[in-house]
Amino acid sequence: MQKLFYTVEEVMKVLNLGKNNVLELCRSKHKGFPAIQIKRKYLINVKLLNEWTDKITKDKTFQIIDHNKFN
């Protein structure tokens, strides 16, 4: 059976991002990031995550800003 959703930890591995960056994407829904929240847990749709990464790769405009650099 194929997975329908990734956990935050799985997305961290797939996208090679840290936990704070993945959580920021989940909270902000940046450019349509496909996360849903169930209670305190985020789940990310596998199929839509692949489509999202294709889209942002084509746009070439995606950037995660490290807000801590400015504090």
C-alpha atoms as a PDB file:
ATOM      1  CA  MET A   1       0.000   0.000   0.000  1.00  0.00           C
ATOM      2  CA  GLN A   2       1.348   3.420  -0.966  1.00  0.00           C
ATOM      3  CA  LYS A   3       1.534   6.189   1.588  1.00  0.00           C
ATOM      4  CA  LEU A   4      -0.921   9.025   1.116  1.00  0.00           C
ATOM      5  CA  PHE A   5       0.734  11.359   3.606  1.00  0.00           C
ATOM      6  CA  TYR A   6       4.213  12.116   4.904  1.00  0.00           C
ATOM      7  CA  THR A   7       5.001  13.221   8.422  1.00  0.00           C
ATOM      8  CA  VAL A   8       7.094  16.332   9.018  1.00  0.00           C
ATOM      9  CA  GLU A   9      10.092  14.090   9.736  1.00  0.00           C
ATOM     10  CA  GLU A  10       9.677  12.269   6.409  1.00  0.00           C
ATOM     11  CA  VAL A  11       9.428  15.558   4.499  1.00  0.00           C
ATOM     12  CA  MET A  12      12.605  16.703   6.239  1.00  0.00           C
ATOM     13  CA  LYS A  13      14.411  13.723   4.695  1.00  0.00           C
ATOM     14  CA  VAL A  14      12.747  13.974   1.272  1.00  0.00           C
ATOM     15  CA  LEU A  15      13.428  17.705   0.853  1.00  0.00           C
ATOM     16  CA  ASN A  16      16.653  17.762   2.876  1.00  0.00           C
ATOM     17  CA  LEU A  17      15.327  20.565   5.082  1.00  0.00           C
ATOM     18  CA  GLY A  18      15.426  21.137   8.805  1.00  0.00           C
ATOM     19  CA  LYS A  19      12.411  20.742  11.033  1.00  0.00           C
ATOM     20  CA  ASN A  20      11.912  24.500  11.510  1.00  0.00           C
ATOM     21  CA  ASN A  21      11.808  25.079   7.745  1.00  0.00           C
ATOM     22  CA  VAL A  22       9.293  22.289   7.174  1.00  0.00           C
ATOM     23  CA  LEU A  23       7.102  23.544  10.010  1.00  0.00           C
ATOM     24  CA  GLU A  24       7.278  27.066   8.582  1.00  0.00           C
ATOM     25  CA  LEU A  25       6.051  25.730   5.241  1.00  0.00           C
ATOM     26  CA  CYS A  26       3.230  23.836   6.960  1.00  0.00           C
ATOM     27  CA  ARG A  27       2.100  26.853   8.979  1.00  0.00           C
ATOM     28  CA  SER A  28       2.316  29.395   6.187  1.00  0.00           C
ATOM     29  CA  LYS A  29       0.992  27.226   3.327  1.00  0.00           C
ATOM     30  CA  HIS A  30       3.705  28.985   1.319  1.00  0.00           C
ATOM     31  CA  LYS A  31       2.849  28.878  -2.393  1.00  0.00           C
ATOM     32  CA  GLY A  32       0.284  26.141  -1.790  1.00  0.00           C
ATOM     33  CA  PHE A  33       2.358  23.784   0.355  1.00  0.00           C
ATOM     34  CA  PRO A  34       0.074  20.714   0.739  1.00  0.00           C
ATOM     35  CA  ALA A  35      -0.082  20.308   4.507  1.00  0.00           C
ATOM     36  CA  ILE A  36      -3.060  19.622   6.711  1.00  0.00           C
ATOM     37  CA  GLN A  37      -3.132  19.879  10.474  1.00  0.00           C
ATOM     38  CA  ILE A  38      -4.847  17.297  12.645  1.00  0.00           C
ATOM     39  CA  LYS A  39      -4.755  18.426  16.242  1.00  0.00           C
ATOM     40  CA  ARG A  40      -1.055  19.234  16.793  1.00  0.00           C
ATOM     41  CA  LYS A  41       0.295  17.095  13.955  1.00  0.00           C
ATOM     42  CA  TYR A  42       0.949  18.118  10.349  1.00  0.00           C
ATOM     43  CA  LEU A  43       0.520  15.672   7.480  1.00  0.00           C
ATOM     44  CA  ILE A  44       1.721  16.400   3.961  1.00  0.00           C
ATOM     45  CA  ASN A  45       0.001  14.883   0.932  1.00  0.00           C
ATOM     46  CA  VAL A  46       2.579  12.818  -0.995  1.00  0.00           C
ATOM     47  CA  LYS A  47       1.113  13.337  -4.470  1.00  0.00           C
ATOM     48  CA  LEU A  48       0.547  17.061  -3.951  1.00  0.00           C
ATOM     49  CA  LEU A  49       4.034  17.481  -2.472  1.00  0.00           C
ATOM     50  CA  ASN A  50       5.508  16.082  -5.697  1.00  0.00           C
ATOM     51  CA  GLU A  51       3.360  18.459  -7.748  1.00  0.00           C
ATOM     52  CA  TRP A  52       4.319  21.373  -5.462  1.00  0.00           C
ATOM     53  CA  THR A  53       8.044  20.688  -5.820  1.00  0.00           C
ATOM     54  CA  ASP A  54       7.650  20.469  -9.615  1.00  0.00           C
ATOM     55  CA  LYS A  55       5.835  23.811  -9.629  1.00  0.00           C
ATOM     56  CA  ILE A  56       8.316  25.697  -7.469  1.00  0.00           C
ATOM     57  CA  THR A  57      11.227  24.225  -9.425  1.00  0.00           C
ATOM     58  CA  LYS A  58       9.722  25.552 -12.657  1.00  0.00           C
ATOM     59  CA  ASP A  59       8.963  28.949 -11.061  1.00  0.00           C
ATOM     60  CA  LYS A  60      12.516  29.248  -9.711  1.00  0.00           C
ATOM     61  CA  THR A  61      11.250  31.869  -7.283  1.00  0.00           C
ATOM     62  CA  PHE A  62      10.978  29.824  -4.111  1.00  0.00           C
ATOM     63  CA  GLN A  63      13.144  30.792  -1.158  1.00  0.00           C
ATOM     64  CA  ILE A  64      12.900  30.115   2.542  1.00  0.00           C
ATOM     65  CA  ILE A  65      14.006  33.190   4.451  1.00  0.00           C
ATOM     66  CA  ASP A  66      15.854  32.624   7.693  1.00  0.00           C
ATOM     67  CA  HIS A  67      14.226  35.258   9.872  1.00  0.00           C
ATOM     68  CA  ASN A  68      16.733  34.589  12.659  1.00  0.00           C
ATOM     69  CA  LYS A  69      19.460  36.252  10.590  1.00  0.00           C
ATOM     70  CA  PHE A  70      17.672  39.554  10.965  1.00  0.00           C
ATOM     71  CA  ASN A  71      17.176  39.446  14.746  1.00  0.00           C
END
